[in-house]
């Protein structure tokens, strides 16, 4: 496997007042239980419930991204290869291996509906709101979080599996060039609006949002390393592609695909999954073409699964050259 070495910084230090302390960086990476405990301690049950719902919405945001990605892939198939090509991918469940791992319990289904499909299932939503409203102590809020998050995570994993099954099929049928074209289409629909919103915020606000997204929304193990001109969010493992690999999605009986060696949609490597390929397109190639820099810079672990690094430069225009070279591009 051709995992690249870590890209170090040689830039001058930033002003101290602009650099969060180690304690502040650690606080950005808190686990859900710690976030709930801190919220109740600082602001009482009302603050705890507000934090609970905020974390649920972070998870919902990722689940919605996967639904949008599936739709964008199907839209690309329809537009590029016609109705029959799009229809052939349904039902997506037939692209998964089946068995207990692909099925939610009735209780999990009700909780997933309460969050992910609240408009269609108002009874499930009102039941959940009632339960959250009755939770006063930290222990009650954390227990309810554990129950609900287990259901939401299981449903989110199924959505991620569906998105990955679809791009596996695209890679099989149309090769890495087709995969790149498909991911470019999805980037315009799914990731480009997110990029515009993110890049409009100050660097520290972006850092907090990315740390929160990766630790809570993506359910990953996160730490932050401060360097002279950047912050490095270390994902060990990432809650999405890392967990996918660690749970065997690229082995029997799942057999999701690895990108054909040497293509830029696979970072010019031989160990990048079709899921990880979106990092090369949506976070690297397209942002460079649109803004001159990756959004944000990524060092992907590939099939090694862990650790990955998500690199936020204070000034994206100073992004190191190797982050461009890994997709065959140069810094403007």
Protein backbone atom coordinates (compact mmCIF):
# COMPACT_ATOMS: atom_id res chain seq x y z
CA UNK A 1 0.00 0.00 0.00
CA UNK A 2 1.31 3.42 -0.95
CA UNK A 3 0.23 5.48 2.06
CA UNK A 4 1.98 8.86 1.82
CA UNK A 5 4.12 10.23 4.65
CA UNK A 6 2.64 12.91 6.88
CA UNK A 7 2.95 16.39 5.38
CA UNK A 8 4.65 18.63 7.93
CA UNK A 9 4.49 22.38 8.26
CA UNK A 10 7.40 24.76 7.79
CA UNK A 11 5.39 27.96 8.15
CA UNK A 12 5.93 30.69 10.73
CA UNK A 13 3.95 30.46 13.99
CA UNK A 14 0.63 32.30 14.21
CA UNK A 15 -0.31 34.88 16.81
CA UNK A 16 -0.87 33.30 20.21
CA UNK A 17 -4.30 34.92 20.64
CA UNK A 18 -5.49 33.16 17.48
CA UNK A 19 -4.35 29.75 18.66
CA UNK A 20 -6.73 27.79 20.92
CA UNK A 21 -5.10 26.19 23.94
CA UNK A 22 -4.60 22.45 24.16
CA UNK A 23 -7.55 22.31 26.56
CA UNK A 24 -9.75 24.19 24.10
CA UNK A 25 -8.76 21.86 21.27
CA UNK A 26 -9.55 18.85 23.45
CA UNK A 27 -12.92 20.36 24.32
CA UNK A 28 -13.80 20.53 20.62
CA UNK A 29 -13.35 16.75 20.42
CA UNK A 30 -15.50 15.78 23.41
CA UNK A 31 -17.57 12.62 23.32
CA UNK A 32 -21.37 12.90 23.36
CA UNK A 33 -21.52 11.84 27.02
CA UNK A 34 -19.06 14.54 28.04
CA UNK A 35 -20.93 17.13 25.99
CA UNK A 36 -24.18 16.23 27.74
CA UNK A 37 -22.57 16.25 31.18
CA UNK A 38 -20.96 19.64 30.56
CA UNK A 39 -24.22 21.09 29.23
CA UNK A 40 -26.25 19.99 32.26
CA UNK A 41 -23.53 21.11 34.66
CA UNK A 42 -23.26 24.54 33.06
CA UNK A 43 -26.87 25.21 32.13
CA UNK A 44 -29.14 22.66 33.74
CA UNK A 45 -31.60 20.22 32.12
CA UNK A 46 -32.77 22.72 29.50
CA UNK A 47 -29.22 23.15 28.20
CA UNK A 48 -28.72 19.39 28.34
CA UNK A 49 -31.80 18.75 26.22
CA UNK A 50 -30.73 21.44 23.73
CA UNK A 51 -27.33 19.75 23.41
CA UNK A 52 -29.03 16.37 23.01
CA UNK A 53 -31.13 17.61 20.10
CA UNK A 54 -28.17 19.41 18.53
CA UNK A 55 -26.15 16.19 18.50
CA UNK A 56 -29.09 14.30 17.01
CA UNK A 57 -29.23 16.86 14.21
CA UNK A 58 -25.50 16.40 13.56
CA UNK A 59 -26.12 12.69 13.01
CA UNK A 60 -29.19 13.47 10.91
CA UNK A 61 -27.09 15.75 8.70
CA UNK A 62 -24.72 12.90 7.80
CA UNK A 63 -27.58 10.48 7.19
CA UNK A 64 -29.20 13.05 4.89
CA UNK A 65 -25.91 13.41 3.00
CA UNK A 66 -25.92 9.67 2.26
CA UNK A 67 -29.51 9.81 1.01
CA UNK A 68 -28.61 12.75 -1.22
CA UNK A 69 -25.50 10.94 -2.48
CA UNK A 70 -27.57 7.87 -3.43
CA UNK A 71 -30.00 10.11 -5.28
CA UNK A 72 -27.18 11.96 -7.07
CA UNK A 73 -25.64 8.66 -8.20
CA UNK A 74 -28.97 7.48 -9.54
CA UNK A 75 -29.49 10.83 -11.23
CA UNK A 76 -26.09 10.48 -12.93
CA UNK A 77 -26.99 6.99 -14.14
CA UNK A 78 -30.29 8.29 -15.51
CA UNK A 79 -28.79 11.32 -17.23
CA UNK A 80 -25.64 9.62 -18.54
CA UNK A 81 -26.73 6.07 -19.31
CA UNK A 82 -30.52 6.21 -19.45
CA UNK A 83 -33.56 4.95 -17.62
CA UNK A 84 -32.66 1.26 -17.82
CA UNK A 85 -29.24 1.84 -16.24
CA UNK A 86 -30.80 3.76 -13.35
CA UNK A 87 -33.62 1.27 -12.86
CA UNK A 88 -31.17 -1.64 -12.75
CA UNK A 89 -29.71 -0.51 -9.42
CA UNK A 90 -33.00 -0.91 -7.54
CA UNK A 91 -33.78 -2.23 -5.04
CA UNK A 92 -30.41 -1.28 -3.56
CA UNK A 93 -30.89 -3.85 -0.78
CA UNK A 94 -30.17 -6.58 -3.34
CA UNK A 95 -26.63 -5.17 -3.67
CA UNK A 96 -26.06 -5.88 0.04
CA UNK A 97 -25.37 -9.36 1.45
CA UNK A 98 -28.49 -9.65 3.60
CA UNK A 99 -28.72 -11.08 7.10
CA UNK A 100 -29.17 -9.45 10.53
CA UNK A 101 -26.52 -6.78 9.91
CA UNK A 102 -28.68 -5.16 7.22
CA UNK A 103 -31.92 -5.15 9.24
CA UNK A 104 -33.17 -2.75 11.93
CA UNK A 105 -35.32 -3.95 14.81
CA UNK A 106 -38.86 -2.51 15.03
CA UNK A 107 -37.74 -0.29 17.92
CA UNK A 108 -34.75 1.00 15.95
CA UNK A 109 -36.94 1.64 12.92
CA UNK A 110 -39.33 3.75 15.00
CA UNK A 111 -36.47 5.85 16.39
CA UNK A 112 -34.89 6.30 12.97
CA UNK A 113 -38.24 7.43 11.60
CA UNK A 114 -38.65 9.88 14.49
CA UNK A 115 -35.45 11.67 13.47
CA UNK A 116 -34.81 10.98 9.79
CA UNK A 117 -38.45 11.00 8.62
CA UNK A 118 -40.21 13.11 11.24
CA UNK A 119 -42.60 14.72 8.74
CA UNK A 120 -43.84 11.33 7.54
CA UNK A 121 -44.02 9.79 11.02
CA UNK A 122 -45.32 12.47 13.43
CA UNK A 123 -46.41 9.95 16.07
CA UNK A 124 -42.90 8.52 16.40
CA UNK A 125 -41.52 12.06 16.53
CA UNK A 126 -43.89 13.21 19.26
CA UNK A 127 -43.10 10.10 21.32
CA UNK A 128 -39.40 10.89 21.11
CA UNK A 129 -39.95 14.56 21.98
CA UNK A 130 -41.95 13.51 25.02
CA UNK A 131 -39.17 11.20 26.22
CA UNK A 132 -36.50 13.86 25.77
CA UNK A 133 -38.66 16.45 27.52
CA UNK A 134 -38.99 14.17 30.54
CA UNK A 135 -35.22 13.65 30.87
CA UNK A 136 -33.79 15.85 33.61
CA UNK A 137 -30.60 14.28 34.96
CA UNK A 138 -27.40 13.58 33.08
CA UNK A 139 -27.89 9.85 33.53
CA UNK A 140 -31.32 9.97 31.89
CA UNK A 141 -30.10 12.06 28.96
CA UNK A 142 -27.05 9.90 28.33
CA UNK A 143 -29.07 6.67 28.55
CA UNK A 144 -31.60 8.05 26.08
CA UNK A 145 -28.77 9.21 23.82
CA UNK A 146 -27.23 5.74 23.83
CA UNK A 147 -30.53 4.13 22.89
CA UNK A 148 -31.45 6.60 20.17
CA UNK A 149 -27.94 6.94 18.77
CA UNK A 150 -27.59 3.16 18.42
CA UNK A 151 -30.69 3.16 16.23
CA UNK A 152 -29.68 6.25 14.25
CA UNK A 153 -26.19 4.89 13.70
CA UNK A 154 -27.51 1.55 12.47
CA UNK A 155 -29.80 3.32 10.01
CA UNK A 156 -26.99 5.66 8.95
CA UNK A 157 -24.70 2.69 8.29
CA UNK A 158 -27.33 1.20 6.00
CA UNK A 159 -27.50 4.48 4.10
CA UNK A 160 -23.71 4.57 3.81
CA UNK A 161 -23.72 0.96 2.63
CA UNK A 162 -26.31 1.85 -0.01
CA UNK A 163 -24.24 4.81 -1.24
CA UNK A 164 -21.14 2.60 -1.40
CA UNK A 165 -22.93 -0.24 -3.16
CA UNK A 166 -24.07 2.19 -5.84
CA UNK A 167 -20.63 3.65 -6.51
CA UNK A 168 -19.17 0.12 -6.45
CA UNK A 169 -21.58 -0.73 -9.25
CA UNK A 170 -20.62 2.45 -11.13
CA UNK A 171 -16.93 1.52 -10.87
CA UNK A 172 -17.66 -2.03 -12.06
CA UNK A 173 -19.71 -0.92 -15.05
CA UNK A 174 -17.95 2.27 -16.12
CA UNK A 175 -14.47 2.08 -14.59
CA UNK A 176 -12.60 4.76 -12.64
CA UNK A 177 -13.30 7.39 -15.30
CA UNK A 178 -17.01 6.76 -14.91
CA UNK A 179 -16.66 6.85 -11.13
CA UNK A 180 -14.93 10.23 -11.32
CA UNK A 181 -17.64 11.63 -13.58
CA UNK A 182 -20.34 10.26 -11.29
CA UNK A 183 -18.68 11.75 -8.20
CA UNK A 184 -18.28 15.09 -9.94
CA UNK A 185 -22.01 15.10 -10.60
CA UNK A 186 -22.70 14.26 -6.96
CA UNK A 187 -20.27 16.93 -5.79
CA UNK A 188 -22.22 19.62 -7.58
CA UNK A 189 -25.47 18.50 -5.97
CA UNK A 190 -24.33 17.42 -2.51
CA UNK A 191 -20.95 18.80 -1.47
CA UNK A 192 -20.57 22.09 -3.33
CA UNK A 193 -23.32 23.88 -1.34
CA UNK A 194 -21.73 22.61 1.88
CA UNK A 195 -18.33 23.87 0.76
CA UNK A 196 -19.67 27.35 0.02
CA UNK A 197 -21.26 27.59 3.47
CA UNK A 198 -18.16 26.28 5.25
CA UNK A 199 -15.63 28.51 3.49
CA UNK A 200 -17.70 31.59 4.34
CA UNK A 201 -16.95 31.14 8.05
CA UNK A 202 -13.88 32.25 10.08
CA UNK A 203 -11.13 29.62 10.53
CA UNK A 204 -11.82 28.91 14.22
CA UNK A 205 -15.54 28.51 13.57
CA UNK A 206 -14.72 26.07 10.79
CA UNK A 207 -12.40 24.12 13.08
CA UNK A 208 -15.05 23.74 15.78
CA UNK A 209 -17.66 22.70 13.24
CA UNK A 210 -15.43 20.08 11.60
CA UNK A 211 -14.35 18.63 14.95
CA UNK A 212 -17.99 18.43 16.06
CA UNK A 213 -19.08 16.90 12.77
CA UNK A 214 -16.39 14.21 12.80
CA UNK A 215 -16.66 13.31 16.50
CA UNK A 216 -20.47 13.38 16.85
CA UNK A 217 -21.99 13.37 13.36
CA UNK A 218 -19.59 10.75 12.00
CA UNK A 219 -19.17 8.95 15.34
CA UNK A 220 -15.37 8.95 15.07
CA UNK A 221 -12.45 9.07 17.49
CA UNK A 222 -11.05 12.58 17.03
CA UNK A 223 -8.10 14.63 18.28
CA UNK A 224 -6.63 17.92 17.05
CA UNK A 225 -2.98 18.80 16.58
CA UNK A 226 -2.11 22.49 16.19
CA UNK A 227 0.68 23.39 13.78
CA UNK A 228 2.03 26.73 12.66
CA UNK A 229 -0.35 27.40 9.79
CA UNK A 230 -2.96 24.69 10.19
CA UNK A 231 -4.96 22.45 12.46
CA UNK A 232 -4.78 18.72 11.87
CA UNK A 233 -7.87 16.76 12.87
CA UNK A 234 -6.72 13.19 13.43
CA UNK A 235 -9.39 10.52 12.90
CA UNK A 236 -8.41 7.24 14.53
CA UNK A 237 -10.53 5.77 13.19
CA UNK A 238 -12.77 7.91 11.02
CA UNK A 239 -16.38 7.15 11.83
CA UNK A 240 -17.28 6.59 8.19
CA UNK A 241 -14.71 5.04 5.83
CA UNK A 242 -12.52 3.82 8.70
CA UNK A 243 -15.40 2.00 10.36
CA UNK A 244 -16.48 0.68 6.98
CA UNK A 245 -13.13 -1.02 6.54
CA UNK A 246 -12.89 -2.22 10.12
CA UNK A 247 -16.32 -3.86 9.84
CA UNK A 248 -15.32 -5.83 6.75
CA UNK A 249 -17.22 -4.01 4.04
CA UNK A 250 -14.42 -4.68 1.53
CA UNK A 251 -14.23 -8.42 2.27
CA UNK A 252 -16.68 -11.29 1.86
CA UNK A 253 -19.64 -11.21 1.89
CA UNK A 254 -19.82 -7.45 1.23
CA UNK A 255 -17.05 -7.00 -1.34
CA UNK A 256 -17.40 -3.28 -1.92
CA UNK A 257 -14.82 -2.17 -4.46
CA UNK A 258 -11.34 -0.66 -4.39
CA UNK A 259 -10.50 1.90 -7.09
CA UNK A 260 -8.40 0.63 -9.99
CA UNK A 261 -4.72 1.41 -9.28
CA UNK A 262 -3.10 4.65 -10.37
CA UNK A 263 -6.19 6.73 -11.15
CA UNK A 264 -6.55 10.21 -9.69
CA UNK A 265 -10.00 9.34 -8.35
CA UNK A 266 -8.03 6.98 -6.07
CA UNK A 267 -5.32 9.53 -5.18
CA UNK A 268 -3.03 7.82 -7.75
CA UNK A 269 -2.75 4.90 -5.30
CA UNK A 270 -3.76 1.25 -5.25
CA UNK A 271 -5.48 1.12 -1.85
CA UNK A 272 -8.36 3.61 -2.02
CA UNK A 273 -11.94 2.42 -1.69
CA UNK A 274 -14.78 3.65 -3.87
CA UNK A 275 -16.18 5.37 -0.79
CA UNK A 276 -12.88 7.12 -0.10
CA UNK A 277 -12.82 8.24 -3.74
CA UNK A 278 -15.26 11.01 -2.86
CA UNK A 279 -12.42 12.59 -0.86
CA UNK A 280 -10.37 12.85 -4.05
CA UNK A 281 -13.21 14.43 -6.02
CA UNK A 282 -15.51 16.34 -3.66
CA UNK A 283 -12.80 17.50 -1.26
CA UNK A 284 -9.76 17.79 -3.52
CA UNK A 285 -10.11 18.01 -7.31
CA UNK A 286 -13.32 20.02 -7.58
CA UNK A 287 -12.46 22.46 -4.75
CA UNK A 288 -9.02 23.08 -6.32
CA UNK A 289 -10.71 23.82 -9.64
CA UNK A 290 -13.24 26.15 -8.02
CA UNK A 291 -11.29 27.83 -5.21
CA UNK A 292 -7.62 26.99 -5.77
CA UNK A 293 -7.31 24.74 -2.71
CA UNK A 294 -8.63 21.45 -1.30
CA UNK A 295 -11.64 21.64 1.00
CA UNK A 296 -10.20 20.71 3.37
CA UNK A 297 -6.90 18.96 2.68
CA UNK A 298 -7.03 15.20 3.28
CA UNK A 299 -4.51 12.49 4.06
CA UNK A 300 -6.44 9.28 3.58
CA UNK A 301 -5.29 6.05 5.23
CA UNK A 302 -6.72 3.94 2.42
CA UNK A 303 -7.17 0.26 3.19
CA UNK A 304 -5.12 0.70 6.37
CA UNK A 305 -8.33 2.30 7.75
CA UNK A 306 -6.61 4.42 10.41
CA UNK A 307 -5.51 7.07 11.11
CA UNK A 308 -6.71 9.65 8.61
CA UNK A 309 -5.95 13.36 8.78
CA UNK A 310 -8.25 16.22 7.87
CA UNK A 311 -6.16 19.39 7.57
CA UNK A 312 -7.64 22.87 7.96
CA UNK A 313 -5.31 25.65 6.88
CA UNK A 314 -5.96 29.08 8.33
CA UNK A 315 -5.44 30.36 4.80
CA UNK A 316 -6.38 27.63 2.29
CA UNK A 317 -4.19 29.35 -0.33
CA UNK A 318 -1.13 28.17 1.63
CA UNK A 319 -2.07 24.47 1.38
CA UNK A 320 1.07 22.36 0.88
CA UNK A 321 1.90 21.15 -2.63
CA UNK A 322 1.66 17.40 -1.82
CA UNK A 323 -2.08 17.78 -1.24
CA UNK A 324 -2.36 18.83 -4.89
CA UNK A 325 0.10 16.27 -6.22
CA UNK A 326 -1.88 13.34 -4.79
CA UNK A 327 -4.53 13.96 -7.47
CA UNK A 328 -2.05 14.94 -10.19
CA UNK A 329 -2.60 18.68 -9.81
CA UNK A 330 -0.36 21.63 -8.93
CA UNK A 331 -0.99 24.60 -6.69
CA UNK A 332 -2.13 27.66 -8.69
